[in-house]
Amino acid sequence: MTLNEIPAGTFFMGSPEGEEKRENGETQHKVKIRKAFYIQTTEVTQGQWKAYKPKVANVFRLVLEVEKPLESRKPSNTKKSELP
């Protein structure tokens, strides 16, 4: 896995007004990155995701379950204190 550092700093995002085929949502504006970070240079492969997924799967499952309305939850996943 190769990562590139994205340094802190400012840059202009979007298209300049005179650019050909410029669309409405491309207004040029200044962006500030306050803290440097690293980003992978390629897409995440299925193998990389499978190696990482078990570490976060329970968090995603918990978030998805909490976001469901109470009436759509399965009784086995619902605590008695959560019932209306």
C-alpha atoms as a PDB file:
ATOM      1  CA  MET A   1       0.000   0.000   0.000  1.00  0.00           C
ATOM      2  CA  THR A   2       1.421   3.371  -0.998  1.00  0.00           C
ATOM      3  CA  LEU A   3       0.360   6.556   0.745  1.00  0.00           C
ATOM      4  CA  ASN A   4       0.982  10.160  -0.247  1.00  0.00           C
ATOM      5  CA  GLU A   5       1.085  12.998   2.234  1.00  0.00           C
ATOM      6  CA  ILE A   6      -1.362  15.826   1.651  1.00  0.00           C
ATOM      7  CA  PRO A   7       0.346  18.774   3.333  1.00  0.00           C
ATOM      8  CA  ALA A   8      -1.359  21.457   5.358  1.00  0.00           C
ATOM      9  CA  GLY A   9      -1.861  24.660   3.416  1.00  0.00           C
ATOM     10  CA  THR A  10      -4.266  26.472   1.112  1.00  0.00           C
ATOM     11  CA  PHE A  11      -5.240  26.003  -2.523  1.00  0.00           C
ATOM     12  CA  PHE A  12      -7.969  27.020  -4.955  1.00  0.00           C
ATOM     13  CA  MET A  13     -10.594  24.405  -5.773  1.00  0.00           C
ATOM     14  CA  GLY A  14     -12.982  24.708  -8.705  1.00  0.00           C
ATOM     15  CA  SER A  15     -12.817  26.227 -12.169  1.00  0.00           C
ATOM     16  CA  PRO A  16     -11.913  29.797 -13.072  1.00  0.00           C
ATOM     17  CA  GLU A  17     -14.824  31.853 -14.448  1.00  0.00           C
ATOM     18  CA  GLY A  18     -13.504  31.937 -18.029  1.00  0.00           C
ATOM     19  CA  GLU A  19     -12.944  28.177 -18.376  1.00  0.00           C
ATOM     20  CA  GLU A  20     -14.779  26.461 -21.248  1.00  0.00           C
ATOM     21  CA  LYS A  21     -17.610  24.082 -20.310  1.00  0.00           C
ATOM     22  CA  ARG A  22     -17.551  25.321 -16.709  1.00  0.00           C
ATOM     23  CA  GLU A  23     -20.689  24.323 -14.808  1.00  0.00           C
ATOM     24  CA  ASN A  24     -22.555  26.131 -12.015  1.00  0.00           C
ATOM     25  CA  GLY A  25     -21.208  24.009  -9.152  1.00  0.00           C
ATOM     26  CA  GLU A  26     -17.579  24.653 -10.052  1.00  0.00           C
ATOM     27  CA  THR A  27     -17.137  28.096  -8.523  1.00  0.00           C
ATOM     28  CA  GLN A  28     -13.499  28.610  -7.645  1.00  0.00           C
ATOM     29  CA  HIS A  29     -12.909  29.025  -3.921  1.00  0.00           C
ATOM     30  CA  LYS A  30     -10.032  28.903  -1.471  1.00  0.00           C
ATOM     31  CA  VAL A  31      -9.669  25.746   0.639  1.00  0.00           C
ATOM     32  CA  LYS A  32      -7.517  25.445   3.738  1.00  0.00           C
ATOM     33  CA  ILE A  33      -6.168  22.106   4.957  1.00  0.00           C
ATOM     34  CA  ARG A  34      -5.355  22.680   8.607  1.00  0.00           C
ATOM     35  CA  LYS A  35      -3.539  19.421   9.297  1.00  0.00           C
ATOM     36  CA  ALA A  36      -1.522  17.228   6.942  1.00  0.00           C
ATOM     37  CA  PHE A  37      -2.866  13.728   6.285  1.00  0.00           C
ATOM     38  CA  TYR A  38      -2.048  10.657   4.212  1.00  0.00           C
ATOM     39  CA  ILE A  39      -4.170   9.177   1.449  1.00  0.00           C
ATOM     40  CA  GLN A  40      -3.751   5.903  -0.415  1.00  0.00           C
ATOM     41  CA  THR A  41      -2.621   6.339  -4.026  1.00  0.00           C
ATOM     42  CA  THR A  42      -4.957   3.628  -5.360  1.00  0.00           C
ATOM     43  CA  GLU A  43      -8.411   2.304  -4.594  1.00  0.00           C
ATOM     44  CA  VAL A  44      -8.772  -0.053  -1.648  1.00  0.00           C
ATOM     45  CA  THR A  45      -8.660  -3.657  -2.859  1.00  0.00           C
ATOM     46  CA  GLN A  46     -11.114  -6.296  -1.672  1.00  0.00           C
ATOM     47  CA  GLY A  47      -8.259  -8.002   0.176  1.00  0.00           C
ATOM     48  CA  GLN A  48      -7.358  -4.799   2.007  1.00  0.00           C
ATOM     49  CA  TRP A  49     -11.004  -4.211   2.931  1.00  0.00           C
ATOM     50  CA  LYS A  50     -11.427  -7.784   4.193  1.00  0.00           C
ATOM     51  CA  ALA A  51      -8.309  -7.395   6.349  1.00  0.00           C
ATOM     52  CA  TYR A  52      -9.671  -4.152   7.822  1.00  0.00           C
ATOM     53  CA  LYS A  53     -13.414  -4.861   7.884  1.00  0.00           C
ATOM     54  CA  PRO A  54     -13.531  -7.151  10.954  1.00  0.00           C
ATOM     55  CA  LYS A  55     -12.098  -4.327  13.047  1.00  0.00           C
ATOM     56  CA  VAL A  56     -14.903  -1.926  12.115  1.00  0.00           C
ATOM     57  CA  ALA A  57     -17.828  -4.211  11.214  1.00  0.00           C
ATOM     58  CA  ASN A  58     -19.350  -4.120  14.700  1.00  0.00           C
ATOM     59  CA  VAL A  59     -19.235  -0.322  14.753  1.00  0.00           C
ATOM     60  CA  PHE A  60     -21.080  -0.122  11.413  1.00  0.00           C
ATOM     61  CA  ARG A  61     -23.617  -2.695  12.574  1.00  0.00           C
ATOM     62  CA  LEU A  62     -24.206  -0.728  15.779  1.00  0.00           C
ATOM     63  CA  VAL A  63     -24.608   2.580  13.929  1.00  0.00           C
ATOM     64  CA  LEU A  64     -27.016   1.075  11.411  1.00  0.00           C
ATOM     65  CA  GLU A  65     -29.058  -0.569  14.159  1.00  0.00           C
ATOM     66  CA  VAL A  66     -29.269   2.621  16.218  1.00  0.00           C
ATOM     67  CA  GLU A  67     -30.422   4.625  13.175  1.00  0.00           C
ATOM     68  CA  LYS A  68     -33.378   2.282  12.499  1.00  0.00           C
ATOM     69  CA  PRO A  69     -36.769   3.341  13.855  1.00  0.00           C
ATOM     70  CA  LEU A  70     -37.739   1.292  16.911  1.00  0.00           C
ATOM     71  CA  GLU A  71     -40.703  -0.318  15.158  1.00  0.00           C
ATOM     72  CA  SER A  72     -38.438  -1.737  12.413  1.00  0.00           C
ATOM     73  CA  ARG A  73     -35.994  -3.427  14.795  1.00  0.00           C
ATOM     74  CA  LYS A  74     -36.175  -7.136  15.373  1.00  0.00           C
ATOM     75  CA  PRO A  75     -37.366  -7.995  18.890  1.00  0.00           C
ATOM     76  CA  SER A  76     -34.160  -9.945  19.552  1.00  0.00           C
ATOM     77  CA  ASN A  77     -32.120  -6.786  18.889  1.00  0.00           C
ATOM     78  CA  THR A  78     -34.295  -4.465  20.945  1.00  0.00           C
ATOM     79  CA  LYS A  79     -33.853  -3.959  24.658  1.00  0.00           C
ATOM     80  CA  LYS A  80     -37.055  -3.839  26.700  1.00  0.00           C
ATOM     81  CA  SER A  81     -36.133  -0.343  27.861  1.00  0.00           C
ATOM     82  CA  GLU A  82     -36.191   0.860  24.214  1.00  0.00           C
ATOM     83  CA  LEU A  83     -39.743  -0.288  23.512  1.00  0.00           C
ATOM     84  CA  PRO A  84     -42.438   2.418  23.398  1.00  0.00           C
END
